[in-house]
Amino acid sequence: MTSSAIKTEIPNAESVTVTTDTLRIDLSDGRTISVPLAWFPRHVHATPEERNDWRLIGTGQGVHWEAIDEDVSVSGLLAGQPSGESQTSSEKWLSQRSRA
């Protein structure tokens, strides 16, 4: 038996919608991927204005939120990967945010 590798291309993000409980990204291939906001603790603690202040990076390979210093990649979302931030890092960020 032989096997062949299937070459897949990762689509680009085209638009982003963040609600109080969901991160949704519309992709260039027509799909929409939606994940729980709880996957990204910084978003959970962000204001609606901060959540909606995003920009595409890498020609749509990812999304960046300046105010909360968060990057999310399309490939990571398609692979089902939540934030890779450690709990310690998240707690440190949140405590610094609380002081500001």
PDB file of N, CA and C in Angstrom:
ATOM      1  N   MET A   1       0.849  -1.168   0.000  1.00  0.00           N
ATOM      2  CA  MET A   1       0.000   0.000   0.000  1.00  0.00           C
ATOM      3  C   MET A   1       0.898   1.235   0.000  1.00  0.00           C
ATOM      4  N   THR A   2       0.508   2.194  -0.767  1.00  0.00           N
ATOM      5  CA  THR A   2       1.236   3.451  -0.787  1.00  0.00           C
ATOM      6  C   THR A   2       0.350   4.554  -0.239  1.00  0.00           C
ATOM      7  N   SER A   3       0.996   5.523   0.253  1.00  0.00           N
ATOM      8  CA  SER A   3       0.243   6.686   0.716  1.00  0.00           C
ATOM      9  C   SER A   3       0.881   7.926   0.119  1.00  0.00           C
ATOM     10  N   SER A   4       0.061   8.885  -0.123  1.00  0.00           N
ATOM     11  CA  SER A   4       0.592  10.133  -0.649  1.00  0.00           C
ATOM     12  C   SER A   4       0.149  11.271   0.254  1.00  0.00           C
ATOM     13  N   ALA A   5       1.019  12.218   0.366  1.00  0.00           N
ATOM     14  CA  ALA A   5       0.696  13.379   1.192  1.00  0.00           C
ATOM     15  C   ALA A   5      -0.306  14.254   0.451  1.00  0.00           C
ATOM     16  N   ILE A   6      -1.254  14.744   1.189  1.00  0.00           N
ATOM     17  CA  ILE A   6      -2.229  15.654   0.611  1.00  0.00           C
ATOM     18  C   ILE A   6      -1.763  17.065   0.932  1.00  0.00           C
ATOM     19  N   LYS A   7      -1.576  17.830  -0.111  1.00  0.00           N
ATOM     20  CA  LYS A   7      -1.137  19.204   0.087  1.00  0.00           C
ATOM     21  C   LYS A   7      -2.363  20.073   0.321  1.00  0.00           C
ATOM     22  N   THR A   8      -2.367  20.732   1.451  1.00  0.00           N
ATOM     23  CA  THR A   8      -3.479  21.622   1.757  1.00  0.00           C
ATOM     24  C   THR A   8      -2.961  23.042   1.912  1.00  0.00           C
ATOM     25  N   GLU A   9      -3.733  23.956   1.434  1.00  0.00           N
ATOM     26  CA  GLU A   9      -3.381  25.356   1.592  1.00  0.00           C
ATOM     27  C   GLU A   9      -4.274  25.956   2.659  1.00  0.00           C
ATOM     28  N   ILE A  10      -3.661  26.728   3.511  1.00  0.00           N
ATOM     29  CA  ILE A  10      -4.408  27.381   4.579  1.00  0.00           C
ATOM     30  C   ILE A  10      -5.034  28.654   4.011  1.00  0.00           C
ATOM     31  N   PRO A  11      -6.352  28.803   4.135  1.00  0.00           N
ATOM     32  CA  PRO A  11      -6.988  30.030   3.646  1.00  0.00           C
ATOM     33  C   PRO A  11      -6.606  31.216   4.523  1.00  0.00           C
ATOM     34  N   ASN A  12      -6.826  32.395   4.019  1.00  0.00           N
ATOM     35  CA  ASN A  12      -6.556  33.611   4.774  1.00  0.00           C
ATOM     36  C   ASN A  12      -7.813  34.106   5.472  1.00  0.00           C
ATOM     37  N   ALA A  13      -7.600  34.797   6.572  1.00  0.00           N
ATOM     38  CA  ALA A  13      -8.703  35.473   7.250  1.00  0.00           C
ATOM     39  C   ALA A  13      -9.090  36.687   6.427  1.00  0.00           C
ATOM     40  N   GLU A  14     -10.381  36.954   6.364  1.00  0.00           N
ATOM     41  CA  GLU A  14     -10.862  38.138   5.655  1.00  0.00           C
ATOM     42  C   GLU A  14     -11.587  39.110   6.572  1.00  0.00           C
ATOM     43  N   SER A  15     -12.313  38.581   7.544  1.00  0.00           N
ATOM     44  CA  SER A  15     -12.984  39.454   8.507  1.00  0.00           C
ATOM     45  C   SER A  15     -13.127  38.718   9.834  1.00  0.00           C
ATOM     46  N   VAL A  16     -13.318  39.504  10.877  1.00  0.00           N
ATOM     47  CA  VAL A  16     -13.357  38.972  12.240  1.00  0.00           C
ATOM     48  C   VAL A  16     -14.559  39.563  12.967  1.00  0.00           C
ATOM     49  N   THR A  17     -15.242  38.715  13.720  1.00  0.00           N
ATOM     50  CA  THR A  17     -16.317  39.162  14.589  1.00  0.00           C
ATOM     51  C   THR A  17     -16.076  38.543  15.961  1.00  0.00           C
ATOM     52  N   VAL A  18     -16.099  39.386  16.991  1.00  0.00           N
ATOM     53  CA  VAL A  18     -15.917  38.894  18.352  1.00  0.00           C
ATOM     54  C   VAL A  18     -17.137  39.315  19.165  1.00  0.00           C
ATOM     55  N   THR A  19     -17.807  38.326  19.756  1.00  0.00           N
ATOM     56  CA  THR A  19     -18.948  38.599  20.623  1.00  0.00           C
ATOM     57  C   THR A  19     -18.527  38.336  22.063  1.00  0.00           C
ATOM     58  N   THR A  20     -19.462  38.360  22.973  1.00  0.00           N
ATOM     59  CA  THR A  20     -19.129  38.109  24.379  1.00  0.00           C
ATOM     60  C   THR A  20     -18.725  36.663  24.637  1.00  0.00           C
ATOM     61  N   ASP A  21     -19.025  35.769  23.693  1.00  0.00           N
ATOM     62  CA  ASP A  21     -18.676  34.365  23.927  1.00  0.00           C
ATOM     63  C   ASP A  21     -18.061  33.633  22.733  1.00  0.00           C
ATOM     64  N   THR A  22     -17.894  34.318  21.594  1.00  0.00           N
ATOM     65  CA  THR A  22     -17.427  33.640  20.385  1.00  0.00           C
ATOM     66  C   THR A  22     -16.455  34.500  19.584  1.00  0.00           C
ATOM     67  N   LEU A  23     -15.438  33.833  19.031  1.00  0.00           N
ATOM     68  CA  LEU A  23     -14.539  34.447  18.050  1.00  0.00           C
ATOM     69  C   LEU A  23     -14.866  33.792  16.716  1.00  0.00           C
ATOM     70  N   ARG A  24     -15.239  34.617  15.731  1.00  0.00           N
ATOM     71  CA  ARG A  24     -15.604  34.089  14.421  1.00  0.00           C
ATOM     72  C   ARG A  24     -14.754  34.768  13.355  1.00  0.00           C
ATOM     73  N   ILE A  25     -14.166  33.940  12.484  1.00  0.00           N
ATOM     74  CA  ILE A  25     -13.325  34.456  11.410  1.00  0.00           C
ATOM     75  C   ILE A  25     -13.829  33.910  10.085  1.00  0.00           C
ATOM     76  N   ASP A  26     -14.109  34.830   9.160  1.00  0.00           N
ATOM     77  CA  ASP A  26     -14.503  34.460   7.807  1.00  0.00           C
ATOM     78  C   ASP A  26     -13.234  34.260   6.988  1.00  0.00           C
ATOM     79  N   LEU A  27     -13.169  33.136   6.273  1.00  0.00           N
ATOM     80  CA  LEU A  27     -11.972  32.762   5.529  1.00  0.00           C
ATOM     81  C   LEU A  27     -12.125  32.978   4.030  1.00  0.00           C
ATOM     82  N   SER A  28     -10.989  33.084   3.360  1.00  0.00           N
ATOM     83  CA  SER A  28     -10.975  33.366   1.924  1.00  0.00           C
ATOM     84  C   SER A  28     -11.558  32.252   1.077  1.00  0.00           C
ATOM     85  N   ASP A  29     -11.678  31.046   1.622  1.00  0.00           N
ATOM     86  CA  ASP A  29     -12.248  29.936   0.856  1.00  0.00           C
ATOM     87  C   ASP A  29     -13.756  29.783   1.069  1.00  0.00           C
ATOM     88  N   GLY A  30     -14.353  30.758   1.758  1.00  0.00           N
ATOM     89  CA  GLY A  30     -15.792  30.734   1.960  1.00  0.00           C
ATOM     90  C   GLY A  30     -16.237  30.147   3.287  1.00  0.00           C
ATOM     91  N   ARG A  31     -15.335  29.506   4.003  1.00  0.00           N
ATOM     92  CA  ARG A  31     -15.697  28.948   5.309  1.00  0.00           C
ATOM     93  C   ARG A  31     -15.674  30.025   6.380  1.00  0.00           C
ATOM     94  N   THR A  32     -16.365  29.746   7.458  1.00  0.00           N
ATOM     95  CA  THR A  32     -16.313  30.568   8.661  1.00  0.00           C
ATOM     96  C   THR A  32     -15.954  29.635   9.803  1.00  0.00           C
ATOM     97  N   ILE A  33     -14.952  30.021  10.560  1.00  0.00           N
ATOM     98  CA  ILE A  33     -14.582  29.216  11.725  1.00  0.00           C
ATOM     99  C   ILE A  33     -14.985  29.983  12.973  1.00  0.00           C
ATOM    100  N   SER A  34     -15.594  29.273  13.902  1.00  0.00           N
ATOM    101  CA  SER A  34     -16.096  29.880  15.123  1.00  0.00           C
ATOM    102  C   SER A  34     -15.598  29.059  16.304  1.00  0.00           C
ATOM    103  N   VAL A  35     -15.011  29.745  17.290  1.00  0.00           N
ATOM    104  CA  VAL A  35     -14.486  29.059  18.473  1.00  0.00           C
ATOM    105  C   VAL A  35     -14.946  29.805  19.721  1.00  0.00           C
ATOM    106  N   PRO A  36     -14.975  29.105  20.849  1.00  0.00           N
ATOM    107  CA  PRO A  36     -15.381  29.778  22.092  1.00  0.00           C
ATOM    108  C   PRO A  36     -14.369  30.863  22.473  1.00  0.00           C
ATOM    109  N   LEU A  37     -14.862  31.991  22.914  1.00  0.00           N
ATOM    110  CA  LEU A  37     -13.980  33.064  23.345  1.00  0.00           C
ATOM    111  C   LEU A  37     -13.139  32.624  24.542  1.00  0.00           C
ATOM    112  N   ALA A  38     -13.643  31.689  25.316  1.00  0.00           N
ATOM    113  CA  ALA A  38     -12.914  31.175  26.480  1.00  0.00           C
ATOM    114  C   ALA A  38     -11.561  30.576  26.093  1.00  0.00           C
ATOM    115  N   TRP A  39     -11.373  30.228  24.820  1.00  0.00           N
ATOM    116  CA  TRP A  39     -10.077  29.740  24.358  1.00  0.00           C
ATOM    117  C   TRP A  39      -9.006  30.814  24.457  1.00  0.00           C
ATOM    118  N   PHE A  40      -9.420  32.080  24.546  1.00  0.00           N
ATOM    119  CA  PHE A  40      -8.486  33.205  24.543  1.00  0.00           C
ATOM    120  C   PHE A  40      -8.788  34.112  25.733  1.00  0.00           C
ATOM    121  N   PRO A  41      -8.210  33.804  26.893  1.00  0.00           N
ATOM    122  CA  PRO A  41      -8.528  34.530  28.127  1.00  0.00           C
ATOM    123  C   PRO A  41      -8.382  36.047  28.026  1.00  0.00           C
ATOM    124  N   ARG A  42      -7.437  36.533  27.240  1.00  0.00           N
ATOM    125  CA  ARG A  42      -7.299  37.992  27.124  1.00  0.00           C
ATOM    126  C   ARG A  42      -8.543  38.605  26.495  1.00  0.00           C
ATOM    127  N   HIS A  43      -9.145  37.890  25.579  1.00  0.00           N
ATOM    128  CA  HIS A  43     -10.376  38.388  24.963  1.00  0.00           C
ATOM    129  C   HIS A  43     -11.531  38.397  25.963  1.00  0.00           C
ATOM    130  N   VAL A  44     -11.555  37.418  26.833  1.00  0.00           N
ATOM    131  CA  VAL A  44     -12.619  37.346  27.834  1.00  0.00           C
ATOM    132  C   VAL A  44     -12.603  38.604  28.709  1.00  0.00           C
ATOM    133  N   HIS A  45     -11.395  39.099  29.019  1.00  0.00           N
ATOM    134  CA  HIS A  45     -11.243  40.265  29.889  1.00  0.00           C
ATOM    135  C   HIS A  45     -11.168  41.582  29.124  1.00  0.00           C
ATOM    136  N   ALA A  46     -11.236  41.533  27.825  1.00  0.00           N
ATOM    137  CA  ALA A  46     -11.159  42.742  27.007  1.00  0.00           C
ATOM    138  C   ALA A  46     -12.516  43.436  26.930  1.00  0.00           C
ATOM    139  N   THR A  47     -12.458  44.723  26.660  1.00  0.00           N
ATOM    140  CA  THR A  47     -13.694  45.473  26.437  1.00  0.00           C
ATOM    141  C   THR A  47     -14.187  45.187  25.021  1.00  0.00           C
ATOM    142  N   PRO A  48     -15.455  45.447  24.750  1.00  0.00           N
ATOM    143  CA  PRO A  48     -15.940  45.275  23.376  1.00  0.00           C
ATOM    144  C   PRO A  48     -15.136  46.100  22.368  1.00  0.00           C
ATOM    145  N   GLU A  49     -14.736  47.296  22.755  1.00  0.00           N
ATOM    146  CA  GLU A  49     -13.939  48.142  21.864  1.00  0.00           C
ATOM    147  C   GLU A  49     -12.596  47.486  21.553  1.00  0.00           C
ATOM    148  N   GLU A  50     -11.955  46.919  22.570  1.00  0.00           N
ATOM    149  CA  GLU A  50     -10.666  46.243  22.365  1.00  0.00           C
ATOM    150  C   GLU A  50     -10.834  45.003  21.487  1.00  0.00           C
ATOM    151  N   ARG A  51     -11.894  44.265  21.682  1.00  0.00           N
ATOM    152  CA  ARG A  51     -12.142  43.062  20.871  1.00  0.00           C
ATOM    153  C   ARG A  51     -12.368  43.413  19.406  1.00  0.00           C
ATOM    154  N   ASN A  52     -12.974  44.562  19.164  1.00  0.00           N
ATOM    155  CA  ASN A  52     -13.289  44.954  17.792  1.00  0.00           C
ATOM    156  C   ASN A  52     -12.172  45.730  17.109  1.00  0.00           C
ATOM    157  N   ASP A  53     -11.091  45.990  17.824  1.00  0.00           N
ATOM    158  CA  ASP A  53      -9.949  46.722  17.269  1.00  0.00           C
ATOM    159  C   ASP A  53      -8.873  45.719  16.849  1.00  0.00           C
ATOM    160  N   TRP A  54      -9.086  45.083  15.716  1.00  0.00           N
ATOM    161  CA  TRP A  54      -8.177  44.049  15.219  1.00  0.00           C
ATOM    162  C   TRP A  54      -7.639  44.459  13.850  1.00  0.00           C
ATOM    163  N   ARG A  55      -6.547  43.770  13.458  1.00  0.00           N
ATOM    164  CA  ARG A  55      -6.018  43.947  12.105  1.00  0.00           C
ATOM    165  C   ARG A  55      -5.472  42.605  11.631  1.00  0.00           C
ATOM    166  N   LEU A  56      -5.565  42.391  10.325  1.00  0.00           N
ATOM    167  CA  LEU A  56      -5.022  41.166   9.740  1.00  0.00           C
ATOM    168  C   LEU A  56      -3.505  41.291   9.678  1.00  0.00           C
ATOM    169  N   ILE A  57      -2.818  40.188   9.923  1.00  0.00           N
ATOM    170  CA  ILE A  57      -1.358  40.158   9.825  1.00  0.00           C
ATOM    171  C   ILE A  57      -0.953  39.043   8.865  1.00  0.00           C
ATOM    172  N   GLY A  58       0.220  39.207   8.261  1.00  0.00           N
ATOM    173  CA  GLY A  58       0.704  38.186   7.330  1.00  0.00           C
ATOM    174  C   GLY A  58      -0.250  37.943   6.188  1.00  0.00           C
ATOM    175  N   THR A  59      -0.772  38.995   5.607  1.00  0.00           N
ATOM    176  CA  THR A  59      -1.762  38.928   4.518  1.00  0.00           C
ATOM    177  C   THR A  59      -2.957  38.025   4.843  1.00  0.00           C
ATOM    178  N   GLY A  60      -3.340  38.016   6.110  1.00  0.00           N
ATOM    179  CA  GLY A  60      -4.514  37.250   6.521  1.00  0.00           C
ATOM    180  C   GLY A  60      -4.199  35.901   7.138  1.00  0.00           C
ATOM    181  N   GLN A  61      -2.930  35.622   7.377  1.00  0.00           N
ATOM    182  CA  GLN A  61      -2.576  34.365   8.036  1.00  0.00           C
ATOM    183  C   GLN A  61      -2.930  34.386   9.507  1.00  0.00           C
ATOM    184  N   GLY A  62      -3.155  35.572  10.015  1.00  0.00           N
ATOM    185  CA  GLY A  62      -3.514  35.710  11.415  1.00  0.00           C
ATOM    186  C   GLY A  62      -4.185  37.034  11.675  1.00  0.00           C
ATOM    187  N   VAL A  63      -4.537  37.214  12.953  1.00  0.00           N
ATOM    188  CA  VAL A  63      -5.214  38.431  13.391  1.00  0.00           C
ATOM    189  C   VAL A  63      -4.491  38.928  14.641  1.00  0.00           C
ATOM    190  N   HIS A  64      -4.329  40.254  14.730  1.00  0.00           N
ATOM    191  CA  HIS A  64      -3.658  40.864  15.876  1.00  0.00           C
ATOM    192  C   HIS A  64      -4.578  41.871  16.539  1.00  0.00           C
ATOM    193  N   TRP A  65      -4.593  41.839  17.872  1.00  0.00           N
ATOM    194  CA  TRP A  65      -5.302  42.818  18.682  1.00  0.00           C
ATOM    195  C   TRP A  65      -4.256  43.579  19.492  1.00  0.00           C
ATOM    196  N   GLU A  66      -4.015  44.825  19.126  1.00  0.00           N
ATOM    197  CA  GLU A  66      -2.963  45.639  19.745  1.00  0.00           C
ATOM    198  C   GLU A  66      -3.212  45.874  21.233  1.00  0.00           C
ATOM    199  N   ALA A  67      -4.405  46.283  21.593  1.00  0.00           N
ATOM    200  CA  ALA A  67      -4.696  46.687  22.973  1.00  0.00           C
ATOM    201  C   ALA A  67      -4.523  45.560  23.984  1.00  0.00           C
ATOM    202  N   ILE A  68      -4.724  44.323  23.544  1.00  0.00           N
ATOM    203  CA  ILE A  68      -4.584  43.192  24.476  1.00  0.00           C
ATOM    204  C   ILE A  68      -3.380  42.321  24.140  1.00  0.00           C
ATOM    205  N   ASP A  69      -2.580  42.766  23.182  1.00  0.00           N
ATOM    206  CA  ASP A  69      -1.351  42.073  22.788  1.00  0.00           C
ATOM    207  C   ASP A  69      -1.608  40.585  22.505  1.00  0.00           C
ATOM    208  N   GLU A  70      -2.542  40.327  21.601  1.00  0.00           N
ATOM    209  CA  GLU A  70      -2.943  38.952  21.262  1.00  0.00           C
ATOM    210  C   GLU A  70      -2.849  38.734  19.761  1.00  0.00           C
ATOM    211  N   ASP A  71      -2.273  37.606  19.379  1.00  0.00           N
ATOM    212  CA  ASP A  71      -2.234  37.169  17.990  1.00  0.00           C
ATOM    213  C   ASP A  71      -2.898  35.803  17.904  1.00  0.00           C
ATOM    214  N   VAL A  72      -3.702  35.610  16.875  1.00  0.00           N
ATOM    215  CA  VAL A  72      -4.367  34.334  16.630  1.00  0.00           C
ATOM    216  C   VAL A  72      -4.108  33.960  15.176  1.00  0.00           C
ATOM    217  N   SER A  73      -3.638  32.731  14.948  1.00  0.00           N
ATOM    218  CA  SER A  73      -3.367  32.293  13.577  1.00  0.00           C
ATOM    219  C   SER A  73      -4.532  31.467  13.036  1.00  0.00           C
ATOM    220  N   VAL A  74      -4.754  31.608  11.744  1.00  0.00           N
ATOM    221  CA  VAL A  74      -5.790  30.819  11.083  1.00  0.00           C
ATOM    222  C   VAL A  74      -5.438  29.333  11.177  1.00  0.00           C
ATOM    223  N   SER A  75      -4.184  28.988  10.950  1.00  0.00           N
ATOM    224  CA  SER A  75      -3.797  27.572  11.004  1.00  0.00           C
ATOM    225  C   SER A  75      -4.028  26.982  12.388  1.00  0.00           C
ATOM    226  N   GLY A  76      -3.774  27.753  13.434  1.00  0.00           N
ATOM    227  CA  GLY A  76      -4.027  27.275  14.794  1.00  0.00           C
ATOM    228  C   GLY A  76      -5.508  27.037  15.048  1.00  0.00           C
ATOM    229  N   LEU A  77      -6.333  27.961  14.584  1.00  0.00           N
ATOM    230  CA  LEU A  77      -7.779  27.788  14.752  1.00  0.00           C
ATOM    231  C   LEU A  77      -8.283  26.567  13.996  1.00  0.00           C
ATOM    232  N   LEU A  78      -7.799  26.397  12.761  1.00  0.00           N
ATOM    233  CA  LEU A  78      -8.227  25.235  11.970  1.00  0.00           C
ATOM    234  C   LEU A  78      -7.773  23.924  12.597  1.00  0.00           C
ATOM    235  N   ALA A  79      -6.657  23.976  13.335  1.00  0.00           N
ATOM    236  CA  ALA A  79      -6.162  22.780  14.022  1.00  0.00           C
ATOM    237  C   ALA A  79      -6.842  22.575  15.372  1.00  0.00           C
ATOM    238  N   GLY A  80      -7.715  23.513  15.760  1.00  0.00           N
ATOM    239  CA  GLY A  80      -8.422  23.382  17.036  1.00  0.00           C
ATOM    240  C   GLY A  80      -7.586  23.741  18.233  1.00  0.00           C
ATOM    241  N   GLN A  81      -6.608  24.632  18.063  1.00  0.00           N
ATOM    242  CA  GLN A  81      -5.710  25.001  19.147  1.00  0.00           C
ATOM    243  C   GLN A  81      -6.168  26.274  19.841  1.00  0.00           C
ATOM    244  N   PRO A  82      -6.450  26.182  21.137  1.00  0.00           N
ATOM    245  CA  PRO A  82      -6.757  27.393  21.892  1.00  0.00           C
ATOM    246  C   PRO A  82      -5.468  28.173  22.169  1.00  0.00           C
ATOM    247  N   SER A  83      -5.578  29.262  22.887  1.00  0.00           N
ATOM    248  CA  SER A  83      -4.410  30.071  23.228  1.00  0.00           C
ATOM    249  C   SER A  83      -3.330  29.206  23.862  1.00  0.00           C
ATOM    250  N   GLY A  84      -2.098  29.455  23.471  1.00  0.00           N
ATOM    251  CA  GLY A  84      -0.971  28.720  24.051  1.00  0.00           C
ATOM    252  C   GLY A  84      -0.389  29.424  25.262  1.00  0.00           C
ATOM    253  N   GLU A  85      -1.020  30.516  25.682  1.00  0.00           N
ATOM    254  CA  GLU A  85      -0.501  31.280  26.813  1.00  0.00           C
ATOM    255  C   GLU A  85      -0.662  30.494  28.104  1.00  0.00           C
ATOM    256  N   SER A  86       0.377  30.500  28.915  1.00  0.00           N
ATOM    257  CA  SER A  86       0.312  29.792  30.199  1.00  0.00           C
ATOM    258  C   SER A  86      -0.604  30.540  31.166  1.00  0.00           C
ATOM    259  N   GLN A  87      -1.088  29.826  32.144  1.00  0.00           N
ATOM    260  CA  GLN A  87      -1.951  30.444  33.144  1.00  0.00           C
ATOM    261  C   GLN A  87      -1.183  31.515  33.915  1.00  0.00           C
ATOM    262  N   THR A  88       0.093  31.263  34.185  1.00  0.00           N
ATOM    263  CA  THR A  88       0.918  32.232  34.895  1.00  0.00           C
ATOM    264  C   THR A  88       1.036  33.527  34.103  1.00  0.00           C
ATOM    265  N   SER A  89       1.295  33.408  32.804  1.00  0.00           N
ATOM    266  CA  SER A  89       1.405  34.588  31.947  1.00  0.00           C
ATOM    267  C   SER A  89       0.077  35.336  31.887  1.00  0.00           C
ATOM    268  N   SER A  90      -1.002  34.600  31.748  1.00  0.00           N
ATOM    269  CA  SER A  90      -2.326  35.207  31.681  1.00  0.00           C
ATOM    270  C   SER A  90      -2.651  35.961  32.974  1.00  0.00           C
ATOM    271  N   GLU A  91      -2.337  35.359  34.105  1.00  0.00           N
ATOM    272  CA  GLU A  91      -2.605  36.001  35.393  1.00  0.00           C
ATOM    273  C   GLU A  91      -1.742  37.248  35.573  1.00  0.00           C
ATOM    274  N   LYS A  92      -0.489  37.195  35.125  1.00  0.00           N
ATOM    275  CA  LYS A  92       0.402  38.354  35.206  1.00  0.00           C
ATOM    276  C   LYS A  92      -0.160  39.486  34.351  1.00  0.00           C
ATOM    277  N   TRP A  93      -0.578  39.172  33.127  1.00  0.00           N
ATOM    278  CA  TRP A  93      -1.157  40.177  32.238  1.00  0.00           C
ATOM    279  C   TRP A  93      -2.397  40.803  32.871  1.00  0.00           C
ATOM    280  N   LEU A  94      -3.246  39.960  33.441  1.00  0.00           N
ATOM    281  CA  LEU A  94      -4.486  40.450  34.036  1.00  0.00           C
ATOM    282  C   LEU A  94      -4.192  41.344  35.243  1.00  0.00           C
ATOM    283  N   SER A  95      -3.218  40.992  36.075  1.00  0.00           N
ATOM    284  CA  SER A  95      -2.897  41.829  37.235  1.00  0.00           C
ATOM    285  C   SER A  95      -2.318  43.175  36.814  1.00  0.00           C
ATOM    286  N   GLN A  96      -1.507  43.188  35.751  1.00  0.00           N
ATOM    287  CA  GLN A  96      -0.974  44.456  35.244  1.00  0.00           C
ATOM    288  C   GLN A  96      -2.086  45.304  34.646  1.00  0.00           C
ATOM    289  N   ARG A  97      -3.014  44.665  34.032  1.00  0.00           N
ATOM    290  CA  ARG A  97      -4.154  45.353  33.428  1.00  0.00           C
ATOM    291  C   ARG A  97      -5.027  45.987  34.497  1.00  0.00           C
ATOM    292  N   SER A  98      -5.199  45.278  35.596  1.00  0.00           N
ATOM    293  CA  SER A  98      -6.037  45.769  36.698  1.00  0.00           C
ATOM    294  C   SER A  98      -5.451  47.025  37.332  1.00  0.00           C
ATOM    295  N   ARG A  99      -4.116  47.137  37.322  1.00  0.00           N
ATOM    296  CA  ARG A  99      -3.441  48.283  37.920  1.00  0.00           C
ATOM    297  C   ARG A  99      -3.486  49.520  37.032  1.00  0.00           C
ATOM    298  N   ALA A 100      -3.724  49.300  35.744  1.00  0.00           N
ATOM    299  CA  ALA A 100      -3.686  50.429  34.797  1.00  0.00           C
ATOM    300  C   ALA A 100      -4.928  51.278  34.864  1.00  0.00           C
TER     301      ALA A 100
END
